[in-house]
PDB file of all heavy atoms in Angstrom:
ATOM      1  N   GLU A   1       0.842  -1.192   0.000  1.00  0.00           N
ATOM      2  CA  GLU A   1       0.000   0.000   0.000  1.00  0.00           C
ATOM      3  C   GLU A   1       0.880   1.246   0.000  1.00  0.00           C
ATOM      4  O   GLU A   1       1.913   1.294   0.669  1.00  0.00           O
ATOM      5  CB  GLU A   1      -0.900   0.012   1.244  1.00  0.00           C
ATOM      6  CG  GLU A   1      -1.727  -1.255   1.441  1.00  0.00           C
ATOM      7  CD  GLU A   1      -2.776  -1.446   0.367  1.00  0.00           C
ATOM      8  OE1 GLU A   1      -3.105  -0.477  -0.339  1.00  0.00           O
ATOM      9  OE2 GLU A   1      -3.283  -2.575   0.225  1.00  0.00           O
ATOM     10  N   GLY A   2       0.477   2.274  -0.731  1.00  0.00           N
ATOM     11  CA  GLY A   2       1.241   3.504  -0.794  1.00  0.00           C
ATOM     12  C   GLY A   2       0.569   4.642  -0.052  1.00  0.00           C
ATOM     13  O   GLY A   2      -0.332   4.438   0.758  1.00  0.00           O
ATOM     14  N   GLY A   3       1.023   5.866  -0.313  1.00  0.00           N
ATOM     15  CA  GLY A   3       0.419   7.047   0.283  1.00  0.00           C
ATOM     16  C   GLY A   3       0.574   7.099   1.793  1.00  0.00           C
ATOM     17  O   GLY A   3       1.628   6.759   2.345  1.00  0.00           O
ATOM     18  N   ILE A   4      -0.493   7.519   2.483  1.00  0.00           N
ATOM     19  CA  ILE A   4      -0.449   7.638   3.939  1.00  0.00           C
ATOM     20  C   ILE A   4      -0.278   6.271   4.591  1.00  0.00           C
ATOM     21  O   ILE A   4       0.352   6.153   5.649  1.00  0.00           O
ATOM     22  CB  ILE A   4      -1.705   8.367   4.450  1.00  0.00           C
ATOM     23  CG1 ILE A   4      -1.728   9.809   3.925  1.00  0.00           C
ATOM     24  CG2 ILE A   4      -1.755   8.368   5.978  1.00  0.00           C
ATOM     25  CD1 ILE A   4      -2.963  10.595   4.290  1.00  0.00           C
ATOM     26  N   ALA A   5      -0.792   5.237   3.953  1.00  0.00           N
ATOM     27  CA  ALA A   5      -0.584   3.885   4.480  1.00  0.00           C
ATOM     28  C   ALA A   5       0.910   3.557   4.542  1.00  0.00           C
ATOM     29  O   ALA A   5       1.381   2.888   5.470  1.00  0.00           O
ATOM     30  CB  ALA A   5      -1.324   2.853   3.627  1.00  0.00           C
ATOM     31  N   GLU A   6       1.674   4.028   3.557  1.00  0.00           N
ATOM     32  CA  GLU A   6       3.125   3.811   3.558  1.00  0.00           C
ATOM     33  C   GLU A   6       3.795   4.602   4.690  1.00  0.00           C
ATOM     34  O   GLU A   6       4.746   4.114   5.320  1.00  0.00           O
ATOM     35  CB  GLU A   6       3.716   4.221   2.209  1.00  0.00           C
ATOM     36  CG  GLU A   6       5.238   4.125   2.114  1.00  0.00           C
ATOM     37  CD  GLU A   6       5.760   2.698   2.133  1.00  0.00           C
ATOM     38  OE1 GLU A   6       4.946   1.744   2.066  1.00  0.00           O
ATOM     39  OE2 GLU A   6       6.986   2.519   2.211  1.00  0.00           O
ATOM     40  N   GLU A   7       3.285   5.802   4.981  1.00  0.00           N
ATOM     41  CA  GLU A   7       3.808   6.568   6.119  1.00  0.00           C
ATOM     42  C   GLU A   7       3.612   5.780   7.418  1.00  0.00           C
ATOM     43  O   GLU A   7       4.521   5.712   8.259  1.00  0.00           O
ATOM     44  CB  GLU A   7       3.086   7.902   6.237  1.00  0.00           C
ATOM     45  CG  GLU A   7       3.369   8.898   5.135  1.00  0.00           C
ATOM     46  CD  GLU A   7       2.647  10.207   5.402  1.00  0.00           C
ATOM     47  OE1 GLU A   7       2.758  10.722   6.532  1.00  0.00           O
ATOM     48  OE2 GLU A   7       1.959  10.698   4.482  1.00  0.00           O
ATOM     49  N   ILE A   8       2.420   5.216   7.573  1.00  0.00           N
ATOM     50  CA  ILE A   8       2.115   4.449   8.786  1.00  0.00           C
ATOM     51  C   ILE A   8       3.055   3.251   8.890  1.00  0.00           C
ATOM     52  O   ILE A   8       3.605   2.945   9.950  1.00  0.00           O
ATOM     53  CB  ILE A   8       0.643   4.010   8.777  1.00  0.00           C
ATOM     54  CG1 ILE A   8      -0.279   5.231   8.827  1.00  0.00           C
ATOM     55  CG2 ILE A   8       0.347   3.070   9.948  1.00  0.00           C
ATOM     56  CD1 ILE A   8      -1.746   4.927   8.601  1.00  0.00           C
ATOM     57  N   ARG A   9       3.253   2.549   7.760  1.00  0.00           N
ATOM     58  CA  ARG A   9       4.140   1.384   7.759  1.00  0.00           C
ATOM     59  C   ARG A   9       5.566   1.773   8.153  1.00  0.00           C
ATOM     60  O   ARG A   9       6.211   1.086   8.949  1.00  0.00           O
ATOM     61  CB  ARG A   9       4.146   0.720   6.384  1.00  0.00           C
ATOM     62  CG  ARG A   9       5.169  -0.413   6.254  1.00  0.00           C
ATOM     63  CD  ARG A   9       5.323  -0.859   4.822  1.00  0.00           C
ATOM     64  NE  ARG A   9       4.126  -1.551   4.376  1.00  0.00           N
ATOM     65  CZ  ARG A   9       3.873  -2.841   4.618  1.00  0.00           C
ATOM     66  NH1 ARG A   9       4.741  -3.562   5.318  1.00  0.00           N
ATOM     67  NH2 ARG A   9       2.784  -3.400   4.173  1.00  0.00           N
ATOM     68  N   ARG A  10       6.064   2.879   7.609  1.00  0.00           N
ATOM     69  CA  ARG A  10       7.449   3.271   7.879  1.00  0.00           C
ATOM     70  C   ARG A  10       7.637   3.665   9.344  1.00  0.00           C
ATOM     71  O   ARG A  10       8.676   3.361   9.943  1.00  0.00           O
ATOM     72  CB  ARG A  10       7.852   4.409   6.955  1.00  0.00           C
ATOM     73  CG  ARG A  10       7.959   3.972   5.491  1.00  0.00           C
ATOM     74  CD  ARG A  10       8.623   5.017   4.629  1.00  0.00           C
ATOM     75  NE  ARG A  10       8.699   4.558   3.241  1.00  0.00           N
ATOM     76  CZ  ARG A  10       9.416   5.173   2.302  1.00  0.00           C
ATOM     77  NH1 ARG A  10      10.124   6.247   2.610  1.00  0.00           N
ATOM     78  NH2 ARG A  10       9.427   4.709   1.066  1.00  0.00           N
ATOM     79  N   LEU A  11       6.642   4.330   9.923  1.00  0.00           N
ATOM     80  CA  LEU A  11       6.725   4.649  11.343  1.00  0.00           C
ATOM     81  C   LEU A  11       6.734   3.376  12.182  1.00  0.00           C
ATOM     82  O   LEU A  11       7.509   3.246  13.139  1.00  0.00           O
ATOM     83  CB  LEU A  11       5.541   5.534  11.758  1.00  0.00           C
ATOM     84  CG  LEU A  11       5.618   7.007  11.362  1.00  0.00           C
ATOM     85  CD1 LEU A  11       4.307   7.706  11.651  1.00  0.00           C
ATOM     86  CD2 LEU A  11       6.760   7.699  12.102  1.00  0.00           C
ATOM     87  N   ARG A  12       5.869   2.440  11.808  1.00  0.00           N
ATOM     88  CA  ARG A  12       5.801   1.163  12.547  1.00  0.00           C
ATOM     89  C   ARG A  12       7.135   0.426  12.454  1.00  0.00           C
ATOM     90  O   ARG A  12       7.658  -0.080  13.467  1.00  0.00           O
ATOM     91  CB  ARG A  12       4.685   0.298  11.979  1.00  0.00           C
ATOM     92  CG  ARG A  12       4.638  -1.123  12.542  1.00  0.00           C
ATOM     93  CD  ARG A  12       3.537  -1.902  11.842  1.00  0.00           C
ATOM     94  NE  ARG A  12       3.535  -3.289  12.273  1.00  0.00           N
ATOM     95  CZ  ARG A  12       4.245  -4.260  11.695  1.00  0.00           C
ATOM     96  NH1 ARG A  12       5.052  -3.976  10.677  1.00  0.00           N
ATOM     97  NH2 ARG A  12       4.168  -5.508  12.134  1.00  0.00           N
ATOM     98  N   ASP A  13       7.701   0.350  11.255  1.00  0.00           N
ATOM     99  CA  ASP A  13       8.963  -0.373  11.073  1.00  0.00           C
ATOM    100  C   ASP A  13      10.121   0.333  11.780  1.00  0.00           C
ATOM    101  O   ASP A  13      10.987  -0.321  12.384  1.00  0.00           O
ATOM    102  CB  ASP A  13       9.274  -0.517   9.583  1.00  0.00           C
ATOM    103  CG  ASP A  13       8.287  -1.432   8.862  1.00  0.00           C
ATOM    104  OD1 ASP A  13       7.540  -2.153   9.566  1.00  0.00           O
ATOM    105  OD2 ASP A  13       8.260  -1.420   7.615  1.00  0.00           O
ATOM    106  N   HIS A  14      10.142   1.665  11.703  1.00  0.00           N
ATOM    107  CA  HIS A  14      11.249   2.422  12.292  1.00  0.00           C
ATOM    108  C   HIS A  14      11.262   2.317  13.816  1.00  0.00           C
ATOM    109  O   HIS A  14      12.327   2.121  14.419  1.00  0.00           O
ATOM    110  CB  HIS A  14      11.166   3.890  11.873  1.00  0.00           C
ATOM    111  CG  HIS A  14      12.251   4.742  12.466  1.00  0.00           C
ATOM    112  ND1 HIS A  14      13.559   4.703  12.032  1.00  0.00           N
ATOM    113  CD2 HIS A  14      12.209   5.645  13.490  1.00  0.00           C
ATOM    114  CE1 HIS A  14      14.280   5.537  12.752  1.00  0.00           C
ATOM    115  NE2 HIS A  14      13.493   6.132  13.650  1.00  0.00           N
ATOM    116  N   PHE A  15      10.084   2.438  14.434  1.00  0.00           N
ATOM    117  CA  PHE A  15      10.018   2.438  15.895  1.00  0.00           C
ATOM    118  C   PHE A  15       9.722   1.059  16.482  1.00  0.00           C
ATOM    119  O   PHE A  15       9.735   0.890  17.699  1.00  0.00           O
ATOM    120  CB  PHE A  15       8.964   3.432  16.377  1.00  0.00           C
ATOM    121  CG  PHE A  15       9.340   4.872  16.145  1.00  0.00           C
ATOM    122  CD1 PHE A  15       8.801   5.576  15.078  1.00  0.00           C
ATOM    123  CD2 PHE A  15      10.246   5.504  16.975  1.00  0.00           C
ATOM    124  CE1 PHE A  15       9.147   6.902  14.847  1.00  0.00           C
ATOM    125  CE2 PHE A  15      10.607   6.830  16.762  1.00  0.00           C
ATOM    126  CZ  PHE A  15      10.055   7.535  15.692  1.00  0.00           C
ATOM    127  N   GLY A  16       9.451   0.076  15.624  1.00  0.00           N
ATOM    128  CA  GLY A  16       9.144  -1.262  16.116  1.00  0.00           C
ATOM    129  C   GLY A  16       7.895  -1.297  16.970  1.00  0.00           C
ATOM    130  O   GLY A  16       7.806  -2.075  17.927  1.00  0.00           O
ATOM    131  N   CYS A  17       6.915  -0.474  16.618  1.00  0.00           N
ATOM    132  CA  CYS A  17       5.702  -0.361  17.425  1.00  0.00           C
ATOM    133  C   CYS A  17       4.532  -1.025  16.705  1.00  0.00           C
ATOM    134  O   CYS A  17       4.680  -1.614  15.634  1.00  0.00           O
ATOM    135  CB  CYS A  17       5.390   1.109  17.710  1.00  0.00           C
ATOM    136  SG  CYS A  17       5.106   2.094  16.213  1.00  0.00           S
ATOM    137  N   SER A  18       3.343  -0.925  17.286  1.00  0.00           N
ATOM    138  CA  SER A  18       2.132  -1.494  16.686  1.00  0.00           C
ATOM    139  C   SER A  18       1.597  -0.562  15.602  1.00  0.00           C
ATOM    140  O   SER A  18       1.961   0.620  15.527  1.00  0.00           O
ATOM    141  CB  SER A  18       1.057  -1.686  17.757  1.00  0.00           C
ATOM    142  OG  SER A  18       0.644  -0.426  18.273  1.00  0.00           O
ATOM    143  N   TRP A  19       0.707  -1.099  14.754  1.00  0.00           N
ATOM    144  CA  TRP A  19       0.035  -0.255  13.775  1.00  0.00           C
ATOM    145  C   TRP A  19      -0.737   0.857  14.480  1.00  0.00           C
ATOM    146  O   TRP A  19      -0.775   1.998  14.004  1.00  0.00           O
ATOM    147  CB  TRP A  19      -0.919  -1.082  12.925  1.00  0.00           C
ATOM    148  CG  TRP A  19      -0.273  -2.103  12.038  1.00  0.00           C
ATOM    149  CD1 TRP A  19      -0.261  -3.451  12.206  1.00  0.00           C
ATOM    150  CD2 TRP A  19       0.460  -1.850  10.821  1.00  0.00           C
ATOM    151  NE1 TRP A  19       0.423  -4.058  11.193  1.00  0.00           N
ATOM    152  CE2 TRP A  19       0.875  -3.111  10.325  1.00  0.00           C
ATOM    153  CE3 TRP A  19       0.800  -0.702  10.117  1.00  0.00           C
ATOM    154  CZ2 TRP A  19       1.606  -3.235   9.150  1.00  0.00           C
ATOM    155  CZ3 TRP A  19       1.532  -0.830   8.948  1.00  0.00           C
ATOM    156  CH2 TRP A  19       1.929  -2.079   8.480  1.00  0.00           C
ATOM    157  N   THR A  20      -1.346   0.524  15.619  1.00  0.00           N
ATOM    158  CA  THR A  20      -2.102   1.526  16.373  1.00  0.00           C
ATOM    159  C   THR A  20      -1.213   2.698  16.776  1.00  0.00           C
ATOM    160  O   THR A  20      -1.573   3.862  16.589  1.00  0.00           O
ATOM    161  CB  THR A  20      -2.727   0.884  17.628  1.00  0.00           C
ATOM    162  OG1 THR A  20      -3.774  -0.017  17.231  1.00  0.00           O
ATOM    163  CG2 THR A  20      -3.309   1.940  18.563  1.00  0.00           C
ATOM    164  N   ARG A  21      -0.049   2.389  17.343  1.00  0.00           N
ATOM    165  CA  ARG A  21       0.831   3.466  17.799  1.00  0.00           C
ATOM    166  C   ARG A  21       1.329   4.305  16.629  1.00  0.00           C
ATOM    167  O   ARG A  21       1.439   5.539  16.736  1.00  0.00           O
ATOM    168  CB  ARG A  21       2.024   2.881  18.569  1.00  0.00           C
ATOM    169  CG  ARG A  21       2.957   3.929  19.125  1.00  0.00           C
ATOM    170  CD  ARG A  21       2.240   4.837  20.123  1.00  0.00           C
ATOM    171  NE  ARG A  21       3.017   6.027  20.433  1.00  0.00           N
ATOM    172  CZ  ARG A  21       2.547   7.257  20.387  1.00  0.00           C
ATOM    173  NH1 ARG A  21       1.287   7.480  20.030  1.00  0.00           N
ATOM    174  NH2 ARG A  21       3.317   8.282  20.702  1.00  0.00           N
ATOM    175  N   ALA A  22       1.603   3.668  15.499  1.00  0.00           N
ATOM    176  CA  ALA A  22       2.050   4.421  14.319  1.00  0.00           C
ATOM    177  C   ALA A  22       0.960   5.385  13.851  1.00  0.00           C
ATOM    178  O   ALA A  22       1.245   6.536  13.481  1.00  0.00           O
ATOM    179  CB  ALA A  22       2.427   3.452  13.204  1.00  0.00           C
ATOM    180  N   MET A  23      -0.290   4.945  13.877  1.00  0.00           N
ATOM    181  CA  MET A  23      -1.393   5.834  13.496  1.00  0.00           C
ATOM    182  C   MET A  23      -1.540   6.982  14.491  1.00  0.00           C
ATOM    183  O   MET A  23      -1.796   8.126  14.104  1.00  0.00           O
ATOM    184  CB  MET A  23      -2.700   5.038  13.413  1.00  0.00           C
ATOM    185  CG  MET A  23      -2.736   4.042  12.285  1.00  0.00           C
ATOM    186  SD  MET A  23      -4.329   3.195  12.205  1.00  0.00           S
ATOM    187  CE  MET A  23      -3.818   1.608  11.598  1.00  0.00           C
ATOM    188  N   GLU A  24      -1.374   6.676  15.770  1.00  0.00           N
ATOM    189  CA  GLU A  24      -1.476   7.718  16.788  1.00  0.00           C
ATOM    190  C   GLU A  24      -0.397   8.771  16.610  1.00  0.00           C
ATOM    191  O   GLU A  24      -0.625   9.963  16.864  1.00  0.00           O
ATOM    192  CB  GLU A  24      -1.385   7.102  18.179  1.00  0.00           C
ATOM    193  CG  GLU A  24      -2.595   6.270  18.559  1.00  0.00           C
ATOM    194  CD  GLU A  24      -2.390   5.502  19.858  1.00  0.00           C
ATOM    195  OE1 GLU A  24      -1.228   5.393  20.321  1.00  0.00           O
ATOM    196  OE2 GLU A  24      -3.394   5.008  20.405  1.00  0.00           O
ATOM    197  N   MET A  25       0.795   8.361  16.180  1.00  0.00           N
ATOM    198  CA  MET A  25       1.878   9.328  15.957  1.00  0.00           C
ATOM    199  C   MET A  25       1.478  10.351  14.897  1.00  0.00           C
ATOM    200  O   MET A  25       1.860  11.530  14.976  1.00  0.00           O
ATOM    201  CB  MET A  25       3.153   8.595  15.513  1.00  0.00           C
ATOM    202  CG  MET A  25       3.810   7.764  16.586  1.00  0.00           C
ATOM    203  SD  MET A  25       5.313   6.963  15.939  1.00  0.00           S
ATOM    204  CE  MET A  25       5.689   5.846  17.286  1.00  0.00           C
ATOM    205  N   LEU A  26       0.726   9.920  13.901  1.00  0.00           N
ATOM    206  CA  LEU A  26       0.318  10.832  12.839  1.00  0.00           C
ATOM    207  C   LEU A  26      -0.905  11.661  13.221  1.00  0.00           C
ATOM    208  O   LEU A  26      -1.023  12.823  12.820  1.00  0.00           O
ATOM    209  CB  LEU A  26       0.035  10.045  11.554  1.00  0.00           C
ATOM    210  CG  LEU A  26       1.249   9.423  10.858  1.00  0.00           C
ATOM    211  CD1 LEU A  26       0.810   8.628   9.640  1.00  0.00           C
ATOM    212  CD2 LEU A  26       2.254  10.492  10.455  1.00  0.00           C
ATOM    213  N   THR A  27      -1.831  11.079  13.975  1.00  0.00           N
ATOM    214  CA  THR A  27      -3.056  11.805  14.312  1.00  0.00           C
ATOM    215  C   THR A  27      -2.882  12.738  15.504  1.00  0.00           C
ATOM    216  O   THR A  27      -3.518  13.792  15.565  1.00  0.00           O
ATOM    217  CB  THR A  27      -4.206  10.831  14.611  1.00  0.00           C
ATOM    218  OG1 THR A  27      -3.834   9.946  15.680  1.00  0.00           O
ATOM    219  CG2 THR A  27      -4.553  10.006  13.376  1.00  0.00           C
ATOM    220  N   ASP A  28      -2.020  12.366  16.457  1.00  0.00           N
ATOM    221  CA  ASP A  28      -1.813  13.215  17.638  1.00  0.00           C
ATOM    222  C   ASP A  28      -1.218  14.564  17.219  1.00  0.00           C
ATOM    223  O   ASP A  28      -0.160  14.634  16.601  1.00  0.00           O
ATOM    224  CB  ASP A  28      -0.868  12.537  18.634  1.00  0.00           C
ATOM    225  CG  ASP A  28      -1.501  11.352  19.335  1.00  0.00           C
ATOM    226  OD1 ASP A  28      -2.728  11.167  19.186  1.00  0.00           O
ATOM    227  OD2 ASP A  28      -0.781  10.602  20.017  1.00  0.00           O
TER     228      ASP A  28
END
């Protein structure tokens, strides 16, 4: 998946966190 979904994936991979936490990083 590309776009914002790719942003979420990269945050998850970089920080080793859950999909939930990666989404929270962008929405907070």
